[in-house]
Amino acid sequence: MLLEDIFQQQERDWIKEIKSGDAEAFNQIFNLYGERLFRFSYGYLKSRAEAEEVVQEVFLRVWNGRKNLNPDLSFKAYLFKIAFRYIHLQFQKISQEQAYRHDIVKASLSMTDDLEKRIDYQSLLELVDKLIDQLPKRQKEVVIKRKKEGIPVKDIAAELGISAKTVENHLTQALKTLRGNLEKEGKVAGLLFFSIFYS
């Protein structure tokens, strides 16, 4: 049996024990992933206190929901998905300008184990601004008005003197272009881009 297989089996055993309320198994998982989650969170938040809070919230959720854990799924991916959601909550507290860029990046990230490696967050936000600025004029106007300023589609249509359907078409094409350009840049990947905008 390969070393990786042995590790995965050990992790599955710990998860099964956690489901049964074993605190020692929980400590083993915390020791394994706690520091990595902290580095991941700090890479986004640039705050030790906020990063520590994310780690605490993640493991609190794991413990409180331990009966629903599935030992056969990737526990690492599960942890980092939870962490990313808490990071998103932190960014919801900042300005609308920051939040709309965060949503674009968030929706473009693959929710996989690779998420742990995506820590240069500020550069992603700056890249989003750069790519939006490169859009055709009308698409840029629509994206900024809808995603940055939060203006309803029908109001954008009235302001620009075009139909709501045309506004939606511009928005769809702009988001498709942004997704493609983000993927080309190699900064983010995945096909979840539109979920944030049509949820």
C-alpha atoms as a PDB file:
ATOM      1  CA  MET A   1       0.000   0.000   0.000  1.00  0.00           C
ATOM      2  CA  LEU A   2       1.326   3.425  -0.946  1.00  0.00           C
ATOM      3  CA  LEU A   3       2.084   6.003   1.723  1.00  0.00           C
ATOM      4  CA  GLU A   4      -0.665   8.255   0.358  1.00  0.00           C
ATOM      5  CA  ASP A   5      -3.186   5.426   0.613  1.00  0.00           C
ATOM      6  CA  ILE A   6      -2.136   4.807   4.200  1.00  0.00           C
ATOM      7  CA  PHE A   7      -2.574   8.483   5.028  1.00  0.00           C
ATOM      8  CA  GLN A   8      -6.010   8.605   3.398  1.00  0.00           C
ATOM      9  CA  GLN A   9      -7.090   5.537   5.335  1.00  0.00           C
ATOM     10  CA  GLN A  10      -5.845   7.098   8.578  1.00  0.00           C
ATOM     11  CA  GLU A  11      -7.765  10.282   7.802  1.00  0.00           C
ATOM     12  CA  ARG A  12     -10.938   8.300   7.073  1.00  0.00           C
ATOM     13  CA  ASP A  13     -10.521   6.490  10.381  1.00  0.00           C
ATOM     14  CA  TRP A  14     -10.164   9.817  12.206  1.00  0.00           C
ATOM     15  CA  ILE A  15     -13.319  11.147  10.534  1.00  0.00           C
ATOM     16  CA  LYS A  16     -15.248   8.045  11.576  1.00  0.00           C
ATOM     17  CA  GLU A  17     -14.003   8.506  15.138  1.00  0.00           C
ATOM     18  CA  ILE A  18     -14.938  12.196  15.111  1.00  0.00           C
ATOM     19  CA  LYS A  19     -18.451  11.215  14.000  1.00  0.00           C
ATOM     20  CA  SER A  20     -18.600   9.151  17.175  1.00  0.00           C
ATOM     21  CA  GLY A  21     -17.486  12.116  19.297  1.00  0.00           C
ATOM     22  CA  ASP A  22     -13.807  11.205  19.714  1.00  0.00           C
ATOM     23  CA  ALA A  23     -12.047  14.396  20.836  1.00  0.00           C
ATOM     24  CA  GLU A  24      -8.568  12.957  20.322  1.00  0.00           C
ATOM     25  CA  ALA A  25      -9.277  12.208  16.658  1.00  0.00           C
ATOM     26  CA  PHE A  26     -10.579  15.765  16.328  1.00  0.00           C
ATOM     27  CA  ASN A  27      -7.295  17.066  17.766  1.00  0.00           C
ATOM     28  CA  GLN A  28      -5.351  14.986  15.241  1.00  0.00           C
ATOM     29  CA  ILE A  29      -7.305  16.547  12.375  1.00  0.00           C
ATOM     30  CA  PHE A  30      -6.840  20.007  13.854  1.00  0.00           C
ATOM     31  CA  ASN A  31      -3.086  19.473  14.141  1.00  0.00           C
ATOM     32  CA  LEU A  32      -2.992  18.258  10.553  1.00  0.00           C
ATOM     33  CA  TYR A  33      -4.949  21.102   8.940  1.00  0.00           C
ATOM     34  CA  GLY A  34      -5.078  23.984  11.424  1.00  0.00           C
ATOM     35  CA  GLU A  35      -1.873  25.720  10.357  1.00  0.00           C
ATOM     36  CA  ARG A  36      -2.600  25.218   6.661  1.00  0.00           C
ATOM     37  CA  LEU A  37      -6.059  26.744   7.056  1.00  0.00           C
ATOM     38  CA  PHE A  38      -4.523  29.674   8.920  1.00  0.00           C
ATOM     39  CA  ARG A  39      -2.007  30.350   6.133  1.00  0.00           C
ATOM     40  CA  PHE A  40      -4.748  30.042   3.538  1.00  0.00           C
ATOM     41  CA  SER A  41      -7.022  32.474   5.392  1.00  0.00           C
ATOM     42  CA  TYR A  42      -4.217  34.907   6.160  1.00  0.00           C
ATOM     43  CA  GLY A  43      -3.287  34.997   2.483  1.00  0.00           C
ATOM     44  CA  TYR A  44      -6.706  36.437   1.753  1.00  0.00           C
ATOM     45  CA  LEU A  45      -7.437  38.525   4.826  1.00  0.00           C
ATOM     46  CA  LYS A  46      -3.943  39.801   5.696  1.00  0.00           C
ATOM     47  CA  SER A  47      -5.001  39.796   9.352  1.00  0.00           C
ATOM     48  CA  ARG A  48      -3.803  37.255  11.927  1.00  0.00           C
ATOM     49  CA  ALA A  49      -6.834  37.837  14.150  1.00  0.00           C
ATOM     50  CA  GLU A  50      -9.304  37.353  11.292  1.00  0.00           C
ATOM     51  CA  ALA A  51      -7.420  34.319   9.977  1.00  0.00           C
ATOM     52  CA  GLU A  52      -7.455  32.726  13.429  1.00  0.00           C
ATOM     53  CA  GLU A  53     -11.172  33.441  13.664  1.00  0.00           C
ATOM     54  CA  VAL A  54     -11.743  31.624  10.367  1.00  0.00           C
ATOM     55  CA  VAL A  55      -9.850  28.567  11.609  1.00  0.00           C
ATOM     56  CA  GLN A  56     -11.869  28.542  14.831  1.00  0.00           C
ATOM     57  CA  GLU A  57     -15.152  28.856  12.955  1.00  0.00           C
ATOM     58  CA  VAL A  58     -14.234  26.081  10.515  1.00  0.00           C
ATOM     59  CA  PHE A  59     -13.351  23.566  13.196  1.00  0.00           C
ATOM     60  CA  LEU A  60     -16.319  24.586  15.339  1.00  0.00           C
ATOM     61  CA  ARG A  61     -18.562  23.826  12.386  1.00  0.00           C
ATOM     62  CA  VAL A  62     -16.798  20.493  11.833  1.00  0.00           C
ATOM     63  CA  TRP A  63     -17.309  19.479  15.460  1.00  0.00           C
ATOM     64  CA  ASN A  64     -20.916  20.654  15.672  1.00  0.00           C
ATOM     65  CA  GLY A  65     -21.757  18.906  12.415  1.00  0.00           C
ATOM     66  CA  ARG A  66     -19.620  15.838  13.030  1.00  0.00           C
ATOM     67  CA  LYS A  67     -22.521  13.388  12.719  1.00  0.00           C
ATOM     68  CA  ASN A  68     -22.980  14.423   9.091  1.00  0.00           C
ATOM     69  CA  LEU A  69     -19.335  14.001   8.051  1.00  0.00           C
ATOM     70  CA  ASN A  70     -18.694  11.631   5.147  1.00  0.00           C
ATOM     71  CA  PRO A  71     -15.378   9.753   5.521  1.00  0.00           C
ATOM     72  CA  ASP A  72     -15.448   8.781   1.837  1.00  0.00           C
ATOM     73  CA  LEU A  73     -15.281  12.389   0.558  1.00  0.00           C
ATOM     74  CA  SER A  74     -12.212  14.633   0.480  1.00  0.00           C
ATOM     75  CA  PHE A  75     -12.043  16.115   3.963  1.00  0.00           C
ATOM     76  CA  LYS A  76      -9.376  18.587   2.886  1.00  0.00           C
ATOM     77  CA  ALA A  77     -11.608  20.011   0.150  1.00  0.00           C
ATOM     78  CA  TYR A  78     -14.488  20.166   2.634  1.00  0.00           C
ATOM     79  CA  LEU A  79     -12.422  22.195   5.111  1.00  0.00           C
ATOM     80  CA  PHE A  80     -11.190  24.705   2.568  1.00  0.00           C
ATOM     81  CA  LYS A  81     -14.676  25.190   1.114  1.00  0.00           C
ATOM     82  CA  ILE A  82     -15.936  26.102   4.588  1.00  0.00           C
ATOM     83  CA  ALA A  83     -12.965  28.408   5.124  1.00  0.00           C
ATOM     84  CA  PHE A  84     -13.588  30.181   1.845  1.00  0.00           C
ATOM     85  CA  ARG A  85     -17.224  30.785   2.789  1.00  0.00           C
ATOM     86  CA  TYR A  86     -16.156  32.396   6.063  1.00  0.00           C
ATOM     87  CA  ILE A  87     -13.610  34.518   4.204  1.00  0.00           C
ATOM     88  CA  HIS A  88     -16.409  35.626   1.912  1.00  0.00           C
ATOM     89  CA  LEU A  89     -18.413  36.710   4.962  1.00  0.00           C
ATOM     90  CA  GLN A  90     -15.473  38.870   6.019  1.00  0.00           C
ATOM     91  CA  PHE A  91     -15.386  40.516   2.611  1.00  0.00           C
ATOM     92  CA  GLN A  92     -19.108  41.214   2.783  1.00  0.00           C
ATOM     93  CA  LYS A  93     -18.271  43.691   5.521  1.00  0.00           C
ATOM     94  CA  ILE A  94     -16.159  45.824   3.217  1.00  0.00           C
ATOM     95  CA  SER A  95     -17.237  48.346   0.611  1.00  0.00           C
ATOM     96  CA  GLN A  96     -19.487  47.486  -2.314  1.00  0.00           C
ATOM     97  CA  GLU A  97     -16.587  48.166  -4.679  1.00  0.00           C
ATOM     98  CA  GLN A  98     -14.501  45.484  -3.016  1.00  0.00           C
ATOM     99  CA  ALA A  99     -17.439  43.107  -2.658  1.00  0.00           C
ATOM    100  CA  TYR A 100     -18.389  43.012  -6.324  1.00  0.00           C
ATOM    101  CA  ARG A 101     -14.827  42.125  -7.316  1.00  0.00           C
ATOM    102  CA  HIS A 102     -14.763  39.449  -4.643  1.00  0.00           C
ATOM    103  CA  ASP A 103     -17.960  37.923  -6.041  1.00  0.00           C
ATOM    104  CA  ILE A 104     -16.450  37.728  -9.518  1.00  0.00           C
ATOM    105  CA  VAL A 105     -13.345  35.985  -8.181  1.00  0.00           C
ATOM    106  CA  LYS A 106     -15.308  33.733  -5.832  1.00  0.00           C
ATOM    107  CA  ALA A 107     -17.568  32.515  -8.601  1.00  0.00           C
ATOM    108  CA  SER A 108     -14.587  31.715 -10.805  1.00  0.00           C
ATOM    109  CA  LEU A 109     -12.716  29.578  -8.291  1.00  0.00           C
ATOM    110  CA  SER A 110     -12.846  25.827  -8.557  1.00  0.00           C
ATOM    111  CA  MET A 111     -13.964  24.427  -5.224  1.00  0.00           C
ATOM    112  CA  THR A 112     -11.256  21.777  -5.147  1.00  0.00           C
ATOM    113  CA  ASP A 113      -8.186  20.973  -3.116  1.00  0.00           C
ATOM    114  CA  ASP A 114      -6.271  23.460  -5.304  1.00  0.00           C
ATOM    115  CA  LEU A 115      -8.145  26.275  -3.563  1.00  0.00           C
ATOM    116  CA  GLU A 116      -5.567  26.080  -0.784  1.00  0.00           C
ATOM    117  CA  LYS A 117      -2.933  27.414  -3.175  1.00  0.00           C
ATOM    118  CA  ARG A 118      -4.898  30.489  -4.284  1.00  0.00           C
ATOM    119  CA  ILE A 119      -3.723  33.005  -1.710  1.00  0.00           C
ATOM    120  CA  ASP A 120      -2.632  36.028  -3.750  1.00  0.00           C
ATOM    121  CA  TYR A 121      -6.081  37.515  -3.444  1.00  0.00           C
ATOM    122  CA  GLN A 122      -5.342  41.204  -3.835  1.00  0.00           C
ATOM    123  CA  SER A 123      -3.730  40.560  -7.202  1.00  0.00           C
ATOM    124  CA  LEU A 124      -6.914  38.776  -8.290  1.00  0.00           C
ATOM    125  CA  LEU A 125      -9.030  41.778  -7.345  1.00  0.00           C
ATOM    126  CA  GLU A 126      -6.699  44.083  -9.269  1.00  0.00           C
ATOM    127  CA  LEU A 127      -6.812  41.724 -12.248  1.00  0.00           C
ATOM    128  CA  VAL A 128     -10.619  41.819 -12.231  1.00  0.00           C
ATOM    129  CA  ASP A 129     -10.525  45.612 -12.446  1.00  0.00           C
ATOM    130  CA  LYS A 130      -8.020  45.439 -15.285  1.00  0.00           C
ATOM    131  CA  LEU A 131     -10.090  42.941 -17.263  1.00  0.00           C
ATOM    132  CA  ILE A 132     -13.308  44.889 -16.753  1.00  0.00           C
ATOM    133  CA  ASP A 133     -11.560  48.004 -18.063  1.00  0.00           C
ATOM    134  CA  GLN A 134     -10.663  46.072 -21.241  1.00  0.00           C
ATOM    135  CA  LEU A 135     -14.276  45.140 -22.032  1.00  0.00           C
ATOM    136  CA  PRO A 136     -16.120  46.855 -24.903  1.00  0.00           C
ATOM    137  CA  LYS A 137     -17.557  50.172 -23.739  1.00  0.00           C
ATOM    138  CA  ARG A 138     -21.187  49.089 -23.427  1.00  0.00           C
ATOM    139  CA  GLN A 139     -20.331  45.786 -21.701  1.00  0.00           C
ATOM    140  CA  LYS A 140     -18.097  47.655 -19.272  1.00  0.00           C
ATOM    141  CA  GLU A 141     -20.893  50.132 -18.518  1.00  0.00           C
ATOM    142  CA  VAL A 142     -23.374  47.339 -17.858  1.00  0.00           C
ATOM    143  CA  VAL A 143     -21.049  45.317 -15.621  1.00  0.00           C
ATOM    144  CA  ILE A 144     -20.107  48.333 -13.511  1.00  0.00           C
ATOM    145  CA  LYS A 145     -23.698  49.533 -13.169  1.00  0.00           C
ATOM    146  CA  ARG A 146     -25.086  46.079 -12.348  1.00  0.00           C
ATOM    147  CA  LYS A 147     -22.276  44.480 -10.327  1.00  0.00           C
ATOM    148  CA  LYS A 148     -20.482  47.445  -8.800  1.00  0.00           C
ATOM    149  CA  GLU A 149     -23.300  49.938  -8.324  1.00  0.00           C
ATOM    150  CA  GLY A 150     -26.081  47.371  -7.874  1.00  0.00           C
ATOM    151  CA  ILE A 151     -28.489  49.056 -10.295  1.00  0.00           C
ATOM    152  CA  PRO A 152     -31.422  46.830 -11.426  1.00  0.00           C
ATOM    153  CA  VAL A 153     -31.453  45.703 -15.047  1.00  0.00           C
ATOM    154  CA  LYS A 154     -34.614  47.639 -15.909  1.00  0.00           C
ATOM    155  CA  ASP A 155     -33.113  50.862 -14.534  1.00  0.00           C
ATOM    156  CA  ILE A 156     -29.907  50.324 -16.502  1.00  0.00           C
ATOM    157  CA  ALA A 157     -31.992  49.789 -19.629  1.00  0.00           C
ATOM    158  CA  ALA A 158     -33.862  53.061 -19.055  1.00  0.00           C
ATOM    159  CA  GLU A 159     -30.646  54.973 -18.348  1.00  0.00           C
ATOM    160  CA  LEU A 160     -28.856  53.663 -21.444  1.00  0.00           C
ATOM    161  CA  GLY A 161     -31.912  53.789 -23.713  1.00  0.00           C
ATOM    162  CA  ILE A 162     -31.834  50.086 -24.541  1.00  0.00           C
ATOM    163  CA  SER A 163     -34.066  47.132 -23.725  1.00  0.00           C
ATOM    164  CA  ALA A 164     -33.701  45.043 -20.576  1.00  0.00           C
ATOM    165  CA  LYS A 165     -32.989  42.037 -22.810  1.00  0.00           C
ATOM    166  CA  THR A 166     -30.105  43.902 -24.424  1.00  0.00           C
ATOM    167  CA  VAL A 167     -28.729  44.769 -20.989  1.00  0.00           C
ATOM    168  CA  GLU A 168     -28.891  41.098 -19.999  1.00  0.00           C
ATOM    169  CA  ASN A 169     -27.158  40.098 -23.236  1.00  0.00           C
ATOM    170  CA  HIS A 170     -24.347  42.592 -22.622  1.00  0.00           C
ATOM    171  CA  LEU A 171     -23.985  41.336 -19.049  1.00  0.00           C
ATOM    172  CA  THR A 172     -23.916  37.694 -20.102  1.00  0.00           C
ATOM    173  CA  GLN A 173     -21.297  38.325 -22.776  1.00  0.00           C
ATOM    174  CA  ALA A 174     -19.194  40.450 -20.430  1.00  0.00           C
ATOM    175  CA  LEU A 175     -19.185  37.785 -17.705  1.00  0.00           C
ATOM    176  CA  LYS A 176     -18.350  35.105 -20.249  1.00  0.00           C
ATOM    177  CA  THR A 177     -15.422  37.201 -21.474  1.00  0.00           C
ATOM    178  CA  LEU A 178     -14.223  37.857 -17.935  1.00  0.00           C
ATOM    179  CA  ARG A 179     -14.357  34.175 -17.076  1.00  0.00           C
ATOM    180  CA  GLY A 180     -12.399  33.259 -20.184  1.00  0.00           C
ATOM    181  CA  ASN A 181      -9.778  35.922 -19.563  1.00  0.00           C
ATOM    182  CA  LEU A 182      -9.387  34.923 -15.915  1.00  0.00           C
ATOM    183  CA  GLU A 183      -8.795  31.339 -16.995  1.00  0.00           C
ATOM    184  CA  LYS A 184      -6.284  32.446 -19.635  1.00  0.00           C
ATOM    185  CA  GLU A 185      -4.385  34.391 -16.992  1.00  0.00           C
ATOM    186  CA  GLY A 186      -4.027  31.147 -15.036  1.00  0.00           C
ATOM    187  CA  LYS A 187      -5.106  32.868 -11.828  1.00  0.00           C
ATOM    188  CA  VAL A 188      -8.454  31.155 -11.383  1.00  0.00           C
ATOM    189  CA  ALA A 189     -10.191  28.217 -13.014  1.00  0.00           C
ATOM    190  CA  GLY A 190     -13.476  26.371 -12.947  1.00  0.00           C
ATOM    191  CA  LEU A 191     -16.935  26.655 -14.407  1.00  0.00           C
ATOM    192  CA  LEU A 192     -18.836  28.107 -11.428  1.00  0.00           C
ATOM    193  CA  PHE A 193     -18.554  31.655 -12.707  1.00  0.00           C
ATOM    194  CA  PHE A 194     -22.200  32.331 -13.440  1.00  0.00           C
ATOM    195  CA  SER A 195     -23.618  30.815 -10.262  1.00  0.00           C
ATOM    196  CA  ILE A 196     -23.044  33.933  -8.186  1.00  0.00           C
ATOM    197  CA  PHE A 197     -24.898  36.118 -10.668  1.00  0.00           C
ATOM    198  CA  TYR A 198     -27.947  33.974 -11.256  1.00  0.00           C
ATOM    199  CA  SER A 199     -28.473  32.467  -7.806  1.00  0.00           C
END
